[in-house]
Amino acid sequence: MSEKVLIASDSTTDLPPELIERYHIQIIPLGVTLGDKTYTDGVDIDPDRIYRLYEQTGELPKTSAVNIAEFVEFFRTHTQQGRPVVLFTISAEFSSTFSNARLAAQEFDRVFVVDTRNLSTGGGLLVARAAELAEQGWEAEQIAQECARLAPCVDTSFVIDSLEFLHKGGRCSALAALGANLLHLKPCILVRDGRMTLGKKYRGKFSAVLKQYIADHLGDGSDINPARVFVTHAGCAPEVVDACVAQVKAVVPFGEVLVTRAGCTISSHCGRNTLGVLFLRNAPIA
């Protein structure tokens, strides 16, 4: 059997501590800039602090990719210890992190970089699967190839209560935000082929909308891989999250249901009341 493969990810995959600890996954944080100060994602800044600062200043942060030098240092450290590395990054459509990692990896023989074509725990689903395969003794290149094959099967979506953060961040027009708020619309954001796109627009109270969203999204569960599901939110009320988890469990007998808190990237784009149910389908999503 080959040396144990090291599984790593940038911080955008929003993995819960129990998975990170279970599989000894290495997390490489992005930078988060607010005003003239740069923080380290998940280290000295978290989403709740972003929300507090926004309430005080009206300013949203900007995230910055991990640079090539940081990746080179990370890869060198672990390969010199005899560990092959498989690294996962946020979709190349959202950040230059993948490009930087791929350039850095060219200096090493046993480093493989996977573009998750995703964000948040959509990418986390691939990282978790990679960690399982590493535990089973798969080679690094085999793990990277298998996870790249699975990437089109990842079903990532979120429902957003308010377009305030998307509008403030320049991702939707003032007119669209005003119209959605006046009509009490809650848009569903989908991630398809590495890009965000608009799905169904729900109307009504957020908790009721989430119930309909989950019913629509899970269907009868027949085309869903039941191994694992993430219920990921950006600071929703505990009772709202608990109701969503109960509904998910009632529809599909997932082997593992993980509740995760979205990190700085998702939170700074979507705002506090955002929730998604993320899982793998049995076949690529059309």
C-alpha atoms as a PDB file:
ATOM      1  CA  MET A   1       0.000   0.000   0.000  1.00  0.00           C
ATOM      2  CA  SER A   2       1.228   3.502  -0.828  1.00  0.00           C
ATOM      3  CA  GLU A   3       1.874   6.273   1.687  1.00  0.00           C
ATOM      4  CA  LYS A   4      -1.278   7.804   3.158  1.00  0.00           C
ATOM      5  CA  VAL A   5      -2.473  10.561   0.860  1.00  0.00           C
ATOM      6  CA  LEU A   6      -2.908  13.992   2.437  1.00  0.00           C
ATOM      7  CA  ILE A   7      -6.281  15.566   1.631  1.00  0.00           C
ATOM      8  CA  ALA A   8      -6.383  19.364   1.701  1.00  0.00           C
ATOM      9  CA  SER A   9      -8.834  22.108   0.832  1.00  0.00           C
ATOM     10  CA  ASP A  10      -9.060  25.849   0.743  1.00  0.00           C
ATOM     11  CA  SER A  11     -11.299  27.345   3.425  1.00  0.00           C
ATOM     12  CA  THR A  12     -14.307  27.859   1.165  1.00  0.00           C
ATOM     13  CA  THR A  13     -15.519  24.253   1.486  1.00  0.00           C
ATOM     14  CA  ASP A  14     -16.995  25.064   4.915  1.00  0.00           C
ATOM     15  CA  LEU A  15     -16.222  21.642   6.377  1.00  0.00           C
ATOM     16  CA  PRO A  16     -17.379  21.003   9.954  1.00  0.00           C
ATOM     17  CA  PRO A  17     -14.700  20.406  12.614  1.00  0.00           C
ATOM     18  CA  GLU A  18     -15.735  16.780  13.101  1.00  0.00           C
ATOM     19  CA  LEU A  19     -14.912  15.895   9.474  1.00  0.00           C
ATOM     20  CA  ILE A  20     -11.652  17.841   9.526  1.00  0.00           C
ATOM     21  CA  GLU A  21     -10.580  16.036  12.675  1.00  0.00           C
ATOM     22  CA  ARG A  22     -11.853  12.619  11.598  1.00  0.00           C
ATOM     23  CA  TYR A  23      -9.793  12.580   8.410  1.00  0.00           C
ATOM     24  CA  HIS A  24      -6.991  15.000   9.369  1.00  0.00           C
ATOM     25  CA  ILE A  25      -7.888  17.284   6.470  1.00  0.00           C
ATOM     26  CA  GLN A  26      -5.628  20.297   6.026  1.00  0.00           C
ATOM     27  CA  ILE A  27      -7.353  23.655   5.459  1.00  0.00           C
ATOM     28  CA  ILE A  28      -5.627  26.520   3.641  1.00  0.00           C
ATOM     29  CA  PRO A  29      -7.452  29.789   4.405  1.00  0.00           C
ATOM     30  CA  LEU A  30      -8.251  32.560   1.969  1.00  0.00           C
ATOM     31  CA  GLY A  31      -7.716  36.194   2.890  1.00  0.00           C
ATOM     32  CA  VAL A  32     -10.600  38.450   3.884  1.00  0.00           C
ATOM     33  CA  THR A  33     -10.125  42.204   3.482  1.00  0.00           C
ATOM     34  CA  LEU A  34     -12.230  44.770   5.286  1.00  0.00           C
ATOM     35  CA  GLY A  35     -11.206  48.380   4.835  1.00  0.00           C
ATOM     36  CA  ASP A  36      -7.442  48.548   5.029  1.00  0.00           C
ATOM     37  CA  LYS A  37      -7.022  45.376   7.072  1.00  0.00           C
ATOM     38  CA  THR A  38      -6.675  41.796   5.829  1.00  0.00           C
ATOM     39  CA  TYR A  39      -7.757  38.867   7.972  1.00  0.00           C
ATOM     40  CA  THR A  40      -7.353  35.111   7.642  1.00  0.00           C
ATOM     41  CA  ASP A  41     -10.590  33.273   6.897  1.00  0.00           C
ATOM     42  CA  GLY A  42     -11.695  31.209   9.889  1.00  0.00           C
ATOM     43  CA  VAL A  43      -8.687  32.228  11.964  1.00  0.00           C
ATOM     44  CA  ASP A  44      -9.121  35.832  13.062  1.00  0.00           C
ATOM     45  CA  ILE A  45     -12.439  36.582  11.379  1.00  0.00           C
ATOM     46  CA  ASP A  46     -15.731  34.723  11.133  1.00  0.00           C
ATOM     47  CA  PRO A  47     -19.150  35.435   9.600  1.00  0.00           C
ATOM     48  CA  ASP A  48     -20.667  36.874  12.778  1.00  0.00           C
ATOM     49  CA  ARG A  49     -17.904  39.470  12.924  1.00  0.00           C
ATOM     50  CA  ILE A  50     -18.545  40.297   9.270  1.00  0.00           C
ATOM     51  CA  TYR A  51     -22.220  40.858  10.062  1.00  0.00           C
ATOM     52  CA  ARG A  52     -21.383  43.086  13.042  1.00  0.00           C
ATOM     53  CA  LEU A  53     -18.968  45.171  10.998  1.00  0.00           C
ATOM     54  CA  TYR A  54     -21.499  45.489   8.204  1.00  0.00           C
ATOM     55  CA  GLU A  55     -24.119  46.759  10.638  1.00  0.00           C
ATOM     56  CA  GLN A  56     -21.611  49.326  11.928  1.00  0.00           C
ATOM     57  CA  THR A  57     -20.070  50.453   8.630  1.00  0.00           C
ATOM     58  CA  GLY A  58     -22.266  49.202   5.763  1.00  0.00           C
ATOM     59  CA  GLU A  59     -19.145  47.651   4.255  1.00  0.00           C
ATOM     60  CA  LEU A  60     -18.797  44.089   3.013  1.00  0.00           C
ATOM     61  CA  PRO A  61     -15.441  42.303   2.829  1.00  0.00           C
ATOM     62  CA  LYS A  62     -13.559  41.099  -0.200  1.00  0.00           C
ATOM     63  CA  THR A  63     -11.938  37.700  -0.265  1.00  0.00           C
ATOM     64  CA  SER A  64      -8.496  37.120  -1.754  1.00  0.00           C
ATOM     65  CA  ALA A  65      -7.124  33.915  -3.228  1.00  0.00           C
ATOM     66  CA  VAL A  66      -4.342  31.892  -1.680  1.00  0.00           C
ATOM     67  CA  ASN A  67      -1.217  32.955  -3.565  1.00  0.00           C
ATOM     68  CA  ILE A  68       1.254  30.746  -5.416  1.00  0.00           C
ATOM     69  CA  ALA A  69       4.014  31.134  -2.813  1.00  0.00           C
ATOM     70  CA  GLU A  70       1.716  29.933  -0.025  1.00  0.00           C
ATOM     71  CA  PHE A  71       0.787  26.862  -2.036  1.00  0.00           C
ATOM     72  CA  VAL A  72       4.414  26.108  -2.891  1.00  0.00           C
ATOM     73  CA  GLU A  73       5.348  26.224   0.791  1.00  0.00           C
ATOM     74  CA  PHE A  74       2.412  23.996   1.734  1.00  0.00           C
ATOM     75  CA  PHE A  75       3.158  21.415  -0.971  1.00  0.00           C
ATOM     76  CA  ARG A  76       6.863  21.372  -0.183  1.00  0.00           C
ATOM     77  CA  THR A  77       6.280  20.833   3.531  1.00  0.00           C
ATOM     78  CA  HIS A  78       4.103  17.789   3.030  1.00  0.00           C
ATOM     79  CA  THR A  79       5.797  16.178   0.053  1.00  0.00           C
ATOM     80  CA  GLN A  80       9.139  16.363   1.868  1.00  0.00           C
ATOM     81  CA  GLN A  81       7.481  14.306   4.581  1.00  0.00           C
ATOM     82  CA  GLY A  82       6.689  11.678   1.952  1.00  0.00           C
ATOM     83  CA  ARG A  83       2.999  12.522   1.620  1.00  0.00           C
ATOM     84  CA  PRO A  84       1.259  12.756  -1.753  1.00  0.00           C
ATOM     85  CA  VAL A  85      -1.254  15.618  -1.739  1.00  0.00           C
ATOM     86  CA  VAL A  86      -4.705  16.069  -3.263  1.00  0.00           C
ATOM     87  CA  LEU A  87      -5.923  19.653  -2.911  1.00  0.00           C
ATOM     88  CA  PHE A  88      -9.471  20.888  -3.547  1.00  0.00           C
ATOM     89  CA  THR A  89     -10.365  24.480  -4.402  1.00  0.00           C
ATOM     90  CA  ILE A  90     -13.406  26.635  -4.969  1.00  0.00           C
ATOM     91  CA  SER A  91     -14.542  26.772  -8.595  1.00  0.00           C
ATOM     92  CA  ALA A  92     -12.098  28.505 -10.913  1.00  0.00           C
ATOM     93  CA  GLU A  93     -15.037  30.668 -12.027  1.00  0.00           C
ATOM     94  CA  PHE A  94     -15.164  32.307  -8.580  1.00  0.00           C
ATOM     95  CA  SER A  95     -11.511  32.706  -7.636  1.00  0.00           C
ATOM     96  CA  SER A  96      -7.938  32.453  -8.894  1.00  0.00           C
ATOM     97  CA  THR A  97      -7.192  30.008  -6.069  1.00  0.00           C
ATOM     98  CA  PHE A  98      -7.377  27.002  -8.405  1.00  0.00           C
ATOM     99  CA  SER A  99      -5.117  28.624 -10.980  1.00  0.00           C
ATOM    100  CA  ASN A 100      -2.567  29.548  -8.313  1.00  0.00           C
ATOM    101  CA  ALA A 101      -2.625  26.061  -6.828  1.00  0.00           C
ATOM    102  CA  ARG A 102      -2.200  24.403 -10.220  1.00  0.00           C
ATOM    103  CA  LEU A 103       0.792  26.607 -11.051  1.00  0.00           C
ATOM    104  CA  ALA A 104       2.378  25.821  -7.695  1.00  0.00           C
ATOM    105  CA  ALA A 105       1.760  22.097  -8.135  1.00  0.00           C
ATOM    106  CA  GLN A 106       3.843  22.037 -11.316  1.00  0.00           C
ATOM    107  CA  GLU A 107       6.960  22.056  -9.142  1.00  0.00           C
ATOM    108  CA  PHE A 108       6.003  18.752  -7.502  1.00  0.00           C
ATOM    109  CA  ASP A 109       5.545  15.193  -8.716  1.00  0.00           C
ATOM    110  CA  ARG A 110       2.886  13.957  -6.326  1.00  0.00           C
ATOM    111  CA  VAL A 111       0.539  16.892  -5.950  1.00  0.00           C
ATOM    112  CA  PHE A 112      -2.876  16.891  -7.616  1.00  0.00           C
ATOM    113  CA  VAL A 113      -5.239  19.855  -7.660  1.00  0.00           C
ATOM    114  CA  VAL A 114      -8.987  19.409  -8.152  1.00  0.00           C
ATOM    115  CA  ASP A 115     -11.301  22.232  -9.194  1.00  0.00           C
ATOM    116  CA  THR A 116     -14.496  21.336  -7.337  1.00  0.00           C
ATOM    117  CA  ARG A 117     -16.549  23.417  -9.822  1.00  0.00           C
ATOM    118  CA  ASN A 118     -18.388  24.370  -6.691  1.00  0.00           C
ATOM    119  CA  LEU A 119     -18.462  26.388  -3.516  1.00  0.00           C
ATOM    120  CA  SER A 120     -19.165  25.839   0.170  1.00  0.00           C
ATOM    121  CA  THR A 121     -20.037  22.280   1.165  1.00  0.00           C
ATOM    122  CA  GLY A 122     -20.713  21.423  -2.464  1.00  0.00           C
ATOM    123  CA  GLY A 123     -16.940  21.233  -2.684  1.00  0.00           C
ATOM    124  CA  GLY A 124     -16.922  19.759   0.809  1.00  0.00           C
ATOM    125  CA  LEU A 125     -18.794  16.702  -0.466  1.00  0.00           C
ATOM    126  CA  LEU A 126     -15.862  15.947  -2.774  1.00  0.00           C
ATOM    127  CA  VAL A 127     -13.304  16.550  -0.025  1.00  0.00           C
ATOM    128  CA  ALA A 128     -15.128  14.160   2.296  1.00  0.00           C
ATOM    129  CA  ARG A 129     -15.271  11.493  -0.399  1.00  0.00           C
ATOM    130  CA  ALA A 130     -11.571  11.959  -1.123  1.00  0.00           C
ATOM    131  CA  ALA A 131     -10.772  11.505   2.553  1.00  0.00           C
ATOM    132  CA  GLU A 132     -12.705   8.237   2.596  1.00  0.00           C
ATOM    133  CA  LEU A 133     -10.832   6.991  -0.456  1.00  0.00           C
ATOM    134  CA  ALA A 134      -7.504   7.945   1.127  1.00  0.00           C
ATOM    135  CA  GLU A 135      -8.488   5.903   4.183  1.00  0.00           C
ATOM    136  CA  GLN A 136      -9.115   2.971   1.844  1.00  0.00           C
ATOM    137  CA  GLY A 137      -5.608   3.255   0.403  1.00  0.00           C
ATOM    138  CA  TRP A 138      -6.328   4.783  -2.987  1.00  0.00           C
ATOM    139  CA  GLU A 139      -3.458   6.474  -4.804  1.00  0.00           C
ATOM    140  CA  ALA A 140      -3.472  10.280  -4.961  1.00  0.00           C
ATOM    141  CA  GLU A 141      -3.970  10.430  -8.721  1.00  0.00           C
ATOM    142  CA  GLN A 142      -6.848   7.947  -8.537  1.00  0.00           C
ATOM    143  CA  ILE A 143      -8.546  10.026  -5.847  1.00  0.00           C
ATOM    144  CA  ALA A 144      -8.194  13.215  -7.895  1.00  0.00           C
ATOM    145  CA  GLN A 145      -9.606  11.532 -10.995  1.00  0.00           C
ATOM    146  CA  GLU A 146     -12.545  10.008  -9.135  1.00  0.00           C
ATOM    147  CA  CYS A 147     -13.486  13.302  -7.485  1.00  0.00           C
ATOM    148  CA  ALA A 148     -13.228  15.179 -10.779  1.00  0.00           C
ATOM    149  CA  ARG A 149     -15.634  12.573 -12.189  1.00  0.00           C
ATOM    150  CA  LEU A 150     -18.036  13.152  -9.286  1.00  0.00           C
ATOM    151  CA  ALA A 151     -17.962  16.953  -9.494  1.00  0.00           C
ATOM    152  CA  PRO A 152     -20.851  17.198 -12.025  1.00  0.00           C
ATOM    153  CA  CYS A 153     -22.986  15.090  -9.666  1.00  0.00           C
ATOM    154  CA  VAL A 154     -22.795  17.591  -6.815  1.00  0.00           C
ATOM    155  CA  ASP A 155     -26.123  19.309  -6.209  1.00  0.00           C
ATOM    156  CA  THR A 156     -25.543  22.698  -4.596  1.00  0.00           C
ATOM    157  CA  SER A 157     -28.282  25.213  -3.943  1.00  0.00           C
ATOM    158  CA  PHE A 158     -29.170  27.877  -1.395  1.00  0.00           C
ATOM    159  CA  VAL A 159     -32.265  29.887  -0.612  1.00  0.00           C
ATOM    160  CA  ILE A 160     -31.650  33.530   0.280  1.00  0.00           C
ATOM    161  CA  ASP A 161     -34.027  35.487   2.480  1.00  0.00           C
ATOM    162  CA  SER A 162     -32.885  38.924   1.330  1.00  0.00           C
ATOM    163  CA  LEU A 163     -30.992  40.243  -1.688  1.00  0.00           C
ATOM    164  CA  GLU A 164     -29.372  42.980   0.401  1.00  0.00           C
ATOM    165  CA  PHE A 165     -25.898  41.427   0.472  1.00  0.00           C
ATOM    166  CA  LEU A 166     -25.995  40.332  -3.178  1.00  0.00           C
ATOM    167  CA  HIS A 167     -27.006  43.852  -4.168  1.00  0.00           C
ATOM    168  CA  LYS A 168     -24.398  45.467  -1.931  1.00  0.00           C
ATOM    169  CA  GLY A 169     -21.742  43.174  -3.403  1.00  0.00           C
ATOM    170  CA  GLY A 170     -22.691  44.122  -6.957  1.00  0.00           C
ATOM    171  CA  ARG A 171     -24.229  40.774  -7.872  1.00  0.00           C
ATOM    172  CA  CYS A 172     -27.745  42.006  -8.550  1.00  0.00           C
ATOM    173  CA  SER A 173     -29.280  45.323  -9.529  1.00  0.00           C
ATOM    174  CA  ALA A 174     -31.015  47.717  -7.164  1.00  0.00           C
ATOM    175  CA  LEU A 175     -34.225  47.261  -9.153  1.00  0.00           C
ATOM    176  CA  ALA A 176     -34.107  43.470  -8.815  1.00  0.00           C
ATOM    177  CA  ALA A 177     -33.429  43.736  -5.087  1.00  0.00           C
ATOM    178  CA  LEU A 178     -36.284  46.215  -4.601  1.00  0.00           C
ATOM    179  CA  GLY A 179     -38.706  44.094  -6.612  1.00  0.00           C
ATOM    180  CA  ALA A 180     -37.810  40.932  -4.731  1.00  0.00           C
ATOM    181  CA  ASN A 181     -38.190  42.626  -1.358  1.00  0.00           C
ATOM    182  CA  LEU A 182     -41.543  44.189  -2.247  1.00  0.00           C
ATOM    183  CA  LEU A 183     -42.896  40.847  -3.456  1.00  0.00           C
ATOM    184  CA  HIS A 184     -41.303  38.927  -0.557  1.00  0.00           C
ATOM    185  CA  LEU A 185     -39.405  36.764  -3.028  1.00  0.00           C
ATOM    186  CA  LYS A 186     -36.778  34.330  -1.802  1.00  0.00           C
ATOM    187  CA  PRO A 187     -34.539  33.268  -4.706  1.00  0.00           C
ATOM    188  CA  CYS A 188     -32.914  29.859  -4.943  1.00  0.00           C
ATOM    189  CA  ILE A 189     -29.314  30.091  -6.120  1.00  0.00           C
ATOM    190  CA  LEU A 190     -27.958  27.048  -7.967  1.00  0.00           C
ATOM    191  CA  VAL A 191     -24.365  26.153  -8.752  1.00  0.00           C
ATOM    192  CA  ARG A 192     -24.054  24.515 -12.154  1.00  0.00           C
ATOM    193  CA  ASP A 193     -20.794  23.835 -13.991  1.00  0.00           C
ATOM    194  CA  GLY A 194     -18.858  26.052 -11.637  1.00  0.00           C
ATOM    195  CA  ARG A 195     -21.158  29.070 -11.911  1.00  0.00           C
ATOM    196  CA  MET A 196     -24.010  30.519  -9.885  1.00  0.00           C
ATOM    197  CA  THR A 197     -27.362  30.732 -11.597  1.00  0.00           C
ATOM    198  CA  LEU A 198     -30.867  31.683 -10.524  1.00  0.00           C
ATOM    199  CA  GLY A 199     -33.280  28.863  -9.807  1.00  0.00           C
ATOM    200  CA  LYS A 200     -36.861  29.002  -8.601  1.00  0.00           C
ATOM    201  CA  LYS A 201     -38.079  32.185  -6.905  1.00  0.00           C
ATOM    202  CA  TYR A 202     -40.147  31.415  -3.844  1.00  0.00           C
ATOM    203  CA  ARG A 203     -42.532  33.767  -2.102  1.00  0.00           C
ATOM    204  CA  GLY A 204     -43.538  33.998   1.534  1.00  0.00           C
ATOM    205  CA  LYS A 205     -42.126  33.561   5.003  1.00  0.00           C
ATOM    206  CA  PHE A 206     -38.570  32.215   5.030  1.00  0.00           C
ATOM    207  CA  SER A 207     -39.346  29.117   7.145  1.00  0.00           C
ATOM    208  CA  ALA A 208     -42.268  28.160   4.885  1.00  0.00           C
ATOM    209  CA  VAL A 209     -40.182  28.773   1.774  1.00  0.00           C
ATOM    210  CA  LEU A 210     -37.454  26.478   3.074  1.00  0.00           C
ATOM    211  CA  LYS A 211     -39.990  23.689   3.569  1.00  0.00           C
ATOM    212  CA  GLN A 212     -41.135  23.990  -0.056  1.00  0.00           C
ATOM    213  CA  TYR A 213     -37.542  24.298  -1.306  1.00  0.00           C
ATOM    214  CA  ILE A 214     -36.515  21.062   0.401  1.00  0.00           C
ATOM    215  CA  ALA A 215     -39.565  19.233  -0.940  1.00  0.00           C
ATOM    216  CA  ASP A 216     -38.851  20.469  -4.462  1.00  0.00           C
ATOM    217  CA  HIS A 217     -35.156  19.748  -4.288  1.00  0.00           C
ATOM    218  CA  LEU A 218     -35.200  16.281  -2.757  1.00  0.00           C
ATOM    219  CA  GLY A 219     -38.265  15.028  -4.600  1.00  0.00           C
ATOM    220  CA  ASP A 220     -38.730  11.344  -3.799  1.00  0.00           C
ATOM    221  CA  GLY A 221     -34.985  10.923  -3.296  1.00  0.00           C
ATOM    222  CA  SER A 222     -34.688   8.184  -5.912  1.00  0.00           C
ATOM    223  CA  ASP A 223     -31.804   9.800  -7.811  1.00  0.00           C
ATOM    224  CA  ILE A 224     -29.852  10.897  -4.742  1.00  0.00           C
ATOM    225  CA  ASN A 225     -26.723   9.283  -3.354  1.00  0.00           C
ATOM    226  CA  PRO A 226     -27.740   8.673   0.266  1.00  0.00           C
ATOM    227  CA  ALA A 227     -24.251   8.560   1.739  1.00  0.00           C
ATOM    228  CA  ARG A 228     -24.074  12.128   3.036  1.00  0.00           C
ATOM    229  CA  VAL A 229     -25.898  15.439   3.033  1.00  0.00           C
ATOM    230  CA  PHE A 230     -24.941  18.875   4.301  1.00  0.00           C
ATOM    231  CA  VAL A 231     -27.489  21.322   5.650  1.00  0.00           C
ATOM    232  CA  THR A 232     -25.448  24.495   5.429  1.00  0.00           C
ATOM    233  CA  HIS A 233     -26.595  27.878   6.677  1.00  0.00           C
ATOM    234  CA  ALA A 234     -25.190  31.359   7.139  1.00  0.00           C
ATOM    235  CA  GLY A 235     -26.554  32.061  10.608  1.00  0.00           C
ATOM    236  CA  CYS A 236     -30.203  30.970  10.545  1.00  0.00           C
ATOM    237  CA  ALA A 237     -32.156  30.551  13.772  1.00  0.00           C
ATOM    238  CA  PRO A 238     -31.590  27.121  15.393  1.00  0.00           C
ATOM    239  CA  GLU A 239     -35.279  26.197  15.220  1.00  0.00           C
ATOM    240  CA  VAL A 240     -35.314  26.907  11.473  1.00  0.00           C
ATOM    241  CA  VAL A 241     -32.255  24.725  10.920  1.00  0.00           C
ATOM    242  CA  ASP A 242     -33.665  21.926  13.101  1.00  0.00           C
ATOM    243  CA  ALA A 243     -36.913  21.876  11.113  1.00  0.00           C
ATOM    244  CA  CYS A 244     -34.971  21.601   7.854  1.00  0.00           C
ATOM    245  CA  VAL A 245     -32.839  18.754   9.187  1.00  0.00           C
ATOM    246  CA  ALA A 246     -35.926  16.858  10.336  1.00  0.00           C
ATOM    247  CA  GLN A 247     -37.547  17.257   6.919  1.00  0.00           C
ATOM    248  CA  VAL A 248     -34.401  16.085   5.099  1.00  0.00           C
ATOM    249  CA  LYS A 249     -34.169  12.992   7.298  1.00  0.00           C
ATOM    250  CA  ALA A 250     -37.820  12.185   6.693  1.00  0.00           C
ATOM    251  CA  VAL A 251     -37.376  12.158   2.913  1.00  0.00           C
ATOM    252  CA  VAL A 252     -34.011  10.456   2.349  1.00  0.00           C
ATOM    253  CA  PRO A 253     -32.310   7.968   4.720  1.00  0.00           C
ATOM    254  CA  PHE A 254     -28.904   9.631   4.487  1.00  0.00           C
ATOM    255  CA  GLY A 255     -26.070   7.788   6.176  1.00  0.00           C
ATOM    256  CA  GLU A 256     -24.717  11.049   7.540  1.00  0.00           C
ATOM    257  CA  VAL A 257     -26.522  14.364   7.995  1.00  0.00           C
ATOM    258  CA  LEU A 258     -24.124  17.192   8.803  1.00  0.00           C
ATOM    259  CA  VAL A 259     -25.192  20.677   9.839  1.00  0.00           C
ATOM    260  CA  THR A 260     -22.553  23.233   8.917  1.00  0.00           C
ATOM    261  CA  ARG A 261     -22.146  26.965   9.232  1.00  0.00           C
ATOM    262  CA  ALA A 262     -21.165  28.728   6.025  1.00  0.00           C
ATOM    263  CA  GLY A 263     -17.854  30.533   6.224  1.00  0.00           C
ATOM    264  CA  CYS A 264     -16.862  34.041   5.287  1.00  0.00           C
ATOM    265  CA  THR A 265     -17.161  33.634   1.503  1.00  0.00           C
ATOM    266  CA  ILE A 266     -20.794  32.516   1.350  1.00  0.00           C
ATOM    267  CA  SER A 267     -21.840  34.677   4.291  1.00  0.00           C
ATOM    268  CA  SER A 268     -20.415  37.887   2.863  1.00  0.00           C
ATOM    269  CA  HIS A 269     -22.214  37.333  -0.450  1.00  0.00           C
ATOM    270  CA  CYS A 270     -25.572  36.045   0.754  1.00  0.00           C
ATOM    271  CA  GLY A 271     -26.170  37.307   4.276  1.00  0.00           C
ATOM    272  CA  ARG A 272     -27.368  35.754   7.499  1.00  0.00           C
ATOM    273  CA  ASN A 273     -30.638  34.066   6.480  1.00  0.00           C
ATOM    274  CA  THR A 274     -29.327  31.730   3.807  1.00  0.00           C
ATOM    275  CA  LEU A 275     -29.707  27.945   3.881  1.00  0.00           C
ATOM    276  CA  GLY A 276     -28.949  25.126   1.475  1.00  0.00           C
ATOM    277  CA  VAL A 277     -29.224  21.344   1.295  1.00  0.00           C
ATOM    278  CA  LEU A 278     -26.221  19.910  -0.563  1.00  0.00           C
ATOM    279  CA  PHE A 279     -25.663  16.312  -1.660  1.00  0.00           C
ATOM    280  CA  LEU A 280     -24.505  14.065  -4.490  1.00  0.00           C
ATOM    281  CA  ARG A 281     -26.847  12.782  -7.171  1.00  0.00           C
ATOM    282  CA  ASN A 282     -26.330   9.377  -8.738  1.00  0.00           C
ATOM    283  CA  ALA A 283     -25.622  10.849 -12.169  1.00  0.00           C
ATOM    284  CA  PRO A 284     -24.311  14.169 -13.539  1.00  0.00           C
ATOM    285  CA  ILE A 285     -26.811  17.017 -13.319  1.00  0.00           C
ATOM    286  CA  ALA A 286     -28.027  18.159 -16.696  1.00  0.00           C
END
